[in-house]
Amino acid sequence: MLRPVTLIVEATGLRKRYGSVAALDGLDLAVEEGHVVGLLGPNGAGKTTALRILVGLVRPDAGSVTIAGEAVGRGWVAGERVGAMVATPVFYPHLSGAENLRVLTAAWGWPRGRADARITAALDLVDLASARGRAAKGYSTGMRQRLGIALALLADSPTLILDEPANGLDPAGIVEIRDLLVALAAGGRTILVSSHLLTEVEKTCDRVTIVDRGRIVASGTPHALAGGGERIEVRLPGDEIATARGVLEAAGLRVSQRSDAAELWVEGAPDGATVSRLLGAAGIYPDELIRRRDSLEDVFLRLTGVLDEGPS
């Protein structure tokens, strides 16, 4: 029997303008319970605006949001309801990591016993227990990012919304955050994470949503999005590109050109030998010919307009 789908985060028709700029233009977003969803998009695509609306920090001009069945609107702010980190974490530099977390529990009005227990648990989860008494000003960038995630975990919410949690980290720090998110997901949490690190998204998330110009342009598993297309990449002398493209398109193949003027992408060919024979019959001999399966990065670049598809 199929398990019924429970939508934890559901946004419908979100619109938001800042002056003449449309940050969101009818965005629809759904996050199912128990999944780790990566939200991808180029700079200015609307990712951060969408996340700020989801946690109640920004009001949309139109549209609606529910989280765990509760409507997000005026007076609704994430915290105890949803664990969130939607900006670079800022802390009181002279307070310790634990004291920074205590400031938030005090704002929530928690009794001391509950606060102590959750502070300890949150710091343990992000591997900062040994640094709990150290002043935040002495934390590395990675430690500050992890302390920001500890803030999001403080109320032990089953839902986390994180904006660029690995931002500014070195490779070792990125791996630390990846391992942390995988462990949190294994514990049953639903996580929506915005990131520009496509490789990390492939390794961390079981669902991916791509946003561009304020709209969702693709959504699915990383495998489904990245594994659906194969192509032949052909490198040729620049003065033969136009002729080669005409030959291949005349044979019914789909041809596109990257910003690299000496490379064609050919789709629909059964194998590289077919492409080579077609070109050879026209007296054109490639410098290089490679068969390649699309990666998530390829799909992302194509959907967000980086790949020049040429005349349609």
Protein backbone atom coordinates (compact mmCIF):
# COMPACT_ATOMS: atom_id res chain seq x y z
CA MET A 1 0.00 0.00 0.00
CA LEU A 2 1.33 3.45 -0.92
CA ARG A 3 2.00 5.77 1.98
CA PRO A 4 -0.26 8.84 1.79
CA VAL A 5 1.59 12.03 0.88
CA THR A 6 1.61 14.72 3.55
CA LEU A 7 2.56 18.21 2.43
CA ILE A 8 4.44 20.02 5.20
CA VAL A 9 5.17 23.19 3.23
CA GLU A 10 2.73 24.37 0.57
CA ALA A 11 2.96 27.72 -1.20
CA THR A 12 0.50 28.69 -3.93
CA GLY A 13 0.67 31.60 -6.36
CA LEU A 14 3.24 33.63 -4.43
CA ARG A 15 3.88 37.08 -5.90
CA LYS A 16 6.18 39.76 -4.56
CA ARG A 17 7.45 42.94 -6.16
CA TYR A 18 10.12 45.36 -5.01
CA GLY A 19 9.38 48.45 -7.04
CA SER A 20 9.62 47.50 -10.69
CA VAL A 21 11.30 44.16 -9.93
CA ALA A 22 9.16 41.01 -9.68
CA ALA A 23 10.98 38.83 -7.13
CA LEU A 24 8.25 36.18 -7.25
CA ASP A 25 5.83 35.75 -10.14
CA GLY A 26 3.27 33.12 -9.21
CA LEU A 27 5.56 30.67 -7.43
CA ASP A 28 4.09 27.32 -6.34
CA LEU A 29 6.09 25.14 -3.97
CA ALA A 30 5.34 21.86 -2.20
CA VAL A 31 7.54 20.00 0.29
CA GLU A 32 6.48 16.54 1.36
CA GLU A 33 6.96 15.22 4.87
CA GLY A 34 10.24 13.43 5.50
CA HIS A 35 12.09 14.76 2.47
CA VAL A 36 15.13 16.96 2.06
CA VAL A 37 14.34 19.42 -0.72
CA GLY A 38 16.99 21.55 -2.38
CA LEU A 39 15.84 24.93 -3.69
CA LEU A 40 18.09 25.99 -6.57
CA GLY A 41 18.20 29.11 -8.70
CA PRO A 42 20.55 31.76 -10.05
CA ASN A 43 21.16 34.99 -8.17
CA GLY A 44 17.99 37.07 -8.17
CA ALA A 45 15.74 34.11 -8.95
CA GLY A 46 13.62 34.69 -5.83
CA LYS A 47 14.87 31.94 -3.52
CA THR A 48 15.57 34.07 -0.46
CA THR A 49 12.36 36.08 -0.90
CA ALA A 50 10.41 32.82 -1.02
CA LEU A 51 12.06 31.52 2.15
CA ARG A 52 11.45 34.79 3.99
CA ILE A 53 7.78 34.56 3.09
CA LEU A 54 7.63 30.95 4.26
CA VAL A 55 8.87 31.87 7.73
CA GLY A 56 6.71 34.98 8.08
CA LEU A 57 9.43 37.62 7.76
CA VAL A 58 8.03 39.06 4.50
CA ARG A 59 4.41 39.34 3.39
CA PRO A 60 3.62 38.35 -0.20
CA ASP A 61 1.64 40.67 -2.46
CA ALA A 62 -0.49 37.68 -3.43
CA GLY A 63 -0.69 33.97 -2.76
CA SER A 64 -0.84 31.76 0.33
CA VAL A 65 1.43 29.59 2.46
CA THR A 66 0.71 26.81 4.90
CA ILE A 67 3.24 24.96 7.04
CA ALA A 68 2.10 21.77 8.75
CA GLY A 69 -1.46 22.79 7.92
CA GLU A 70 -1.18 26.21 9.57
CA ALA A 71 -1.62 29.34 7.45
CA VAL A 72 1.37 31.69 7.47
CA GLY A 73 0.24 35.29 7.71
CA ARG A 74 0.38 38.43 9.78
CA GLY A 75 1.90 37.80 13.19
CA TRP A 76 3.20 34.35 12.21
CA VAL A 77 6.96 34.02 12.67
CA ALA A 78 8.98 30.84 12.60
CA GLY A 79 10.88 29.91 15.73
CA GLU A 80 9.11 27.42 17.90
CA ARG A 81 6.92 26.33 14.95
CA VAL A 82 9.61 25.92 12.29
CA GLY A 83 13.37 25.91 12.67
CA ALA A 84 14.77 28.52 10.30
CA MET A 85 18.01 30.14 9.20
CA VAL A 86 17.26 32.52 6.35
CA ALA A 87 20.18 34.94 6.62
CA THR A 88 23.82 34.89 7.66
CA PRO A 89 23.74 34.12 11.40
CA VAL A 90 24.49 37.13 13.61
CA PHE A 91 25.42 36.63 17.25
CA TYR A 92 26.40 38.65 20.27
CA PRO A 93 30.20 38.36 19.90
CA HIS A 94 31.08 38.52 23.60
CA LEU A 95 28.49 35.91 24.61
CA SER A 96 29.29 32.23 24.42
CA GLY A 97 27.56 29.89 21.99
CA ALA A 98 25.29 28.60 24.75
CA GLU A 99 24.51 32.13 25.96
CA ASN A 100 23.52 33.20 22.46
CA LEU A 101 21.03 30.36 22.37
CA ARG A 102 19.78 31.30 25.83
CA VAL A 103 18.88 34.79 24.60
CA LEU A 104 16.37 33.20 22.22
CA THR A 105 14.87 30.85 24.81
CA ALA A 106 14.43 33.83 27.13
CA ALA A 107 12.59 35.71 24.36
CA TRP A 108 10.30 32.70 24.02
CA GLY A 109 9.70 32.67 27.77
CA TRP A 110 10.99 29.17 28.34
CA PRO A 111 11.66 27.98 31.90
CA ARG A 112 15.32 27.43 32.78
CA GLY A 113 15.13 23.64 32.84
CA ARG A 114 13.61 23.35 29.37
CA ALA A 115 16.08 25.91 27.99
CA ASP A 116 19.10 24.11 29.44
CA ALA A 117 17.99 20.76 28.04
CA ARG A 118 17.33 22.07 24.53
CA ILE A 119 20.52 24.17 24.40
CA THR A 120 22.57 21.10 25.29
CA ALA A 121 20.74 18.94 22.74
CA ALA A 122 21.05 21.51 19.93
CA LEU A 123 24.76 22.06 20.50
CA ASP A 124 25.34 18.30 20.60
CA LEU A 125 23.55 17.88 17.27
CA VAL A 126 25.81 20.42 15.52
CA ASP A 127 28.99 19.17 17.27
CA LEU A 128 29.57 22.35 19.27
CA ALA A 129 29.23 20.90 22.77
CA SER A 130 32.95 21.36 23.46
CA ALA A 131 32.77 25.03 22.37
CA ARG A 132 29.57 25.94 24.21
CA GLY A 133 31.41 28.18 26.69
CA ARG A 134 33.63 29.94 24.14
CA ALA A 135 32.80 33.49 23.06
CA ALA A 136 31.15 33.55 19.64
CA LYS A 137 33.69 36.07 18.39
CA GLY A 138 36.28 33.28 18.51
CA TYR A 139 34.22 30.90 16.36
CA SER A 140 35.34 30.04 12.83
CA THR A 141 32.97 30.65 9.91
CA GLY A 142 31.96 27.00 9.93
CA MET A 143 31.29 27.07 13.66
CA ARG A 144 29.11 30.18 13.26
CA GLN A 145 27.13 28.46 10.51
CA ARG A 146 26.64 25.43 12.76
CA LEU A 147 25.60 27.69 15.64
CA GLY A 148 23.02 29.22 13.30
CA ILE A 149 21.68 25.75 12.59
CA ALA A 150 21.63 25.11 16.36
CA LEU A 151 19.34 28.13 16.67
CA ALA A 152 17.07 26.56 14.06
CA LEU A 153 17.10 23.28 16.02
CA LEU A 154 16.50 24.85 19.41
CA ALA A 155 12.76 24.20 19.58
CA ASP A 156 13.19 20.67 18.16
CA SER A 157 10.87 21.45 15.26
CA PRO A 158 10.34 18.61 12.77
CA THR A 159 10.67 21.12 9.91
CA LEU A 160 13.80 23.11 9.01
CA ILE A 161 14.13 25.92 6.45
CA LEU A 162 17.75 26.86 5.77
CA ASP A 163 19.10 29.48 3.37
CA GLU A 164 22.64 28.72 2.12
CA PRO A 165 23.82 26.89 5.27
CA ALA A 166 27.25 26.20 3.68
CA ASN A 167 27.75 29.75 2.43
CA GLY A 168 31.36 30.95 2.69
CA LEU A 169 32.74 27.66 3.97
CA ASP A 170 35.88 25.87 2.81
CA PRO A 171 35.58 22.30 1.45
CA ALA A 172 35.98 20.74 4.90
CA GLY A 173 33.29 23.01 6.33
CA ILE A 174 30.95 22.18 3.44
CA VAL A 175 31.35 18.48 4.16
CA GLU A 176 30.58 19.11 7.85
CA ILE A 177 27.30 20.84 6.96
CA ARG A 178 26.42 18.14 4.45
CA ASP A 179 26.95 15.39 7.02
CA LEU A 180 24.92 17.34 9.56
CA LEU A 181 21.95 17.76 7.19
CA VAL A 182 22.06 14.08 6.22
CA ALA A 183 22.05 13.11 9.91
CA LEU A 184 19.15 15.46 10.68
CA ALA A 185 17.18 14.03 7.77
CA ALA A 186 17.90 10.49 8.96
CA GLY A 187 16.34 11.54 12.27
CA GLY A 188 13.04 12.19 10.49
CA ARG A 189 13.10 15.92 9.90
CA THR A 190 11.68 17.59 6.81
CA ILE A 191 14.24 20.05 5.42
CA LEU A 192 13.99 22.76 2.76
CA VAL A 193 17.46 24.08 1.95
CA SER A 194 18.44 26.79 -0.50
CA SER A 195 21.90 26.40 -2.03
CA HIS A 196 24.01 27.36 -5.02
CA LEU A 197 26.25 24.30 -4.52
CA LEU A 198 24.76 21.85 -6.99
CA THR A 199 27.12 19.00 -6.14
CA GLU A 200 26.15 19.27 -2.47
CA VAL A 201 22.46 19.32 -3.35
CA GLU A 202 22.88 16.09 -5.32
CA LYS A 203 24.60 14.46 -2.34
CA THR A 204 22.23 15.78 0.32
CA CYS A 205 18.73 16.19 -1.11
CA ASP A 206 16.24 13.59 -2.30
CA ARG A 207 14.13 16.22 -4.07
CA VAL A 208 15.20 19.28 -6.06
CA THR A 209 13.18 22.32 -7.09
CA ILE A 210 14.63 24.84 -9.54
CA VAL A 211 13.35 28.42 -9.53
CA ASP A 212 14.06 31.06 -12.15
CA ARG A 213 12.61 34.57 -12.50
CA GLY A 214 10.28 33.97 -9.58
CA ARG A 215 8.72 30.74 -10.88
CA ILE A 216 9.35 27.03 -10.43
CA VAL A 217 10.75 25.66 -13.70
CA ALA A 218 11.46 22.06 -12.65
CA SER A 219 10.99 19.74 -9.71
CA GLY A 220 11.81 16.10 -9.02
CA THR A 221 14.47 13.76 -7.70
CA PRO A 222 18.08 14.62 -8.60
CA HIS A 223 18.27 11.38 -10.57
CA ALA A 224 15.10 12.08 -12.56
CA LEU A 225 16.14 15.64 -13.35
CA ALA A 226 19.75 14.86 -14.20
CA GLY A 227 19.42 11.40 -15.69
CA GLY A 228 16.86 12.04 -18.39
CA GLY A 229 19.12 13.29 -21.14
CA GLU A 230 22.13 12.04 -23.04
CA ARG A 231 24.08 14.02 -25.59
CA ILE A 232 27.09 13.92 -27.82
CA GLU A 233 29.48 16.82 -27.27
CA VAL A 234 31.34 17.71 -30.46
CA ARG A 235 34.31 20.08 -30.70
CA LEU A 236 35.07 21.50 -34.13
CA PRO A 237 37.06 24.29 -35.74
CA GLY A 238 35.03 27.47 -35.35
CA ASP A 239 34.58 27.99 -39.09
CA GLU A 240 32.90 24.58 -39.45
CA ILE A 241 30.34 24.98 -36.63
CA ALA A 242 27.53 26.44 -38.76
CA THR A 243 27.90 23.82 -41.49
CA ALA A 244 28.09 20.97 -38.98
CA ARG A 245 24.99 22.20 -37.20
CA GLY A 246 23.08 22.32 -40.47
CA VAL A 247 24.11 18.77 -41.38
CA LEU A 248 23.08 17.35 -38.02
CA GLU A 249 19.77 19.20 -37.86
CA ALA A 250 18.95 18.06 -41.39
CA ALA A 251 19.33 14.50 -40.09
CA GLY A 252 16.66 15.18 -37.45
CA LEU A 253 18.98 15.68 -34.49
CA ARG A 254 18.57 18.43 -31.91
CA VAL A 255 21.63 20.67 -31.78
CA SER A 256 22.49 23.45 -29.34
CA GLN A 257 25.55 25.59 -28.83
CA ARG A 258 27.16 26.66 -25.57
CA SER A 259 28.92 29.94 -25.03
CA ASP A 260 32.02 28.06 -26.20
CA ALA A 261 31.86 28.80 -29.92
CA ALA A 262 33.74 25.61 -30.83
CA GLU A 263 31.37 23.11 -29.18
CA LEU A 264 28.01 21.67 -30.21
CA TRP A 265 25.69 19.56 -28.08
CA VAL A 266 23.83 16.93 -30.10
CA GLU A 267 20.76 15.14 -28.73
CA GLY A 268 18.76 12.31 -30.25
CA ALA A 269 21.71 10.42 -31.77
CA PRO A 270 21.90 6.69 -30.89
CA ASP A 271 25.67 6.89 -30.52
CA GLY A 272 28.75 8.93 -31.33
CA ALA A 273 29.50 6.87 -34.43
CA THR A 274 26.27 8.12 -36.03
CA VAL A 275 27.28 11.73 -35.49
CA SER A 276 30.78 11.04 -36.77
CA ARG A 277 29.46 9.37 -39.96
CA LEU A 278 27.06 12.25 -40.69
CA LEU A 279 29.80 14.81 -40.31
CA GLY A 280 32.36 12.73 -42.20
CA ALA A 281 30.01 12.39 -45.17
CA ALA A 282 30.00 16.20 -45.34
CA GLY A 283 33.78 16.38 -45.11
CA ILE A 284 33.76 17.58 -41.51
CA TYR A 285 36.00 15.82 -38.98
CA PRO A 286 35.58 16.68 -35.25
CA ASP A 287 38.54 17.49 -33.04
CA GLU A 288 36.78 15.73 -30.16
CA LEU A 289 33.56 13.77 -29.69
CA ILE A 290 32.30 12.67 -26.25
CA ARG A 291 29.09 10.90 -25.19
CA ARG A 292 27.84 12.34 -21.92
CA ARG A 293 24.78 12.05 -19.67
CA ASP A 294 23.29 15.27 -18.30
CA SER A 295 24.27 16.26 -14.78
CA LEU A 296 22.09 18.31 -12.46
CA GLU A 297 24.35 21.24 -13.33
CA ASP A 298 23.62 20.80 -17.04
CA VAL A 299 19.88 20.78 -16.41
CA PHE A 300 20.15 23.79 -14.14
CA LEU A 301 22.12 25.81 -16.68
CA ARG A 302 19.74 24.95 -19.48
CA LEU A 303 16.56 25.70 -17.53
CA THR A 304 17.82 28.99 -16.17
CA GLY A 305 18.86 30.28 -19.56
CA VAL A 306 22.64 29.98 -19.34
CA LEU A 307 22.78 27.54 -22.22
CA ASP A 308 22.27 29.21 -25.60
CA GLU A 309 19.78 27.05 -27.41
CA GLY A 310 20.19 29.04 -30.64
CA PRO A 311 17.32 29.80 -33.03
CA SER A 312 14.16 27.87 -32.27
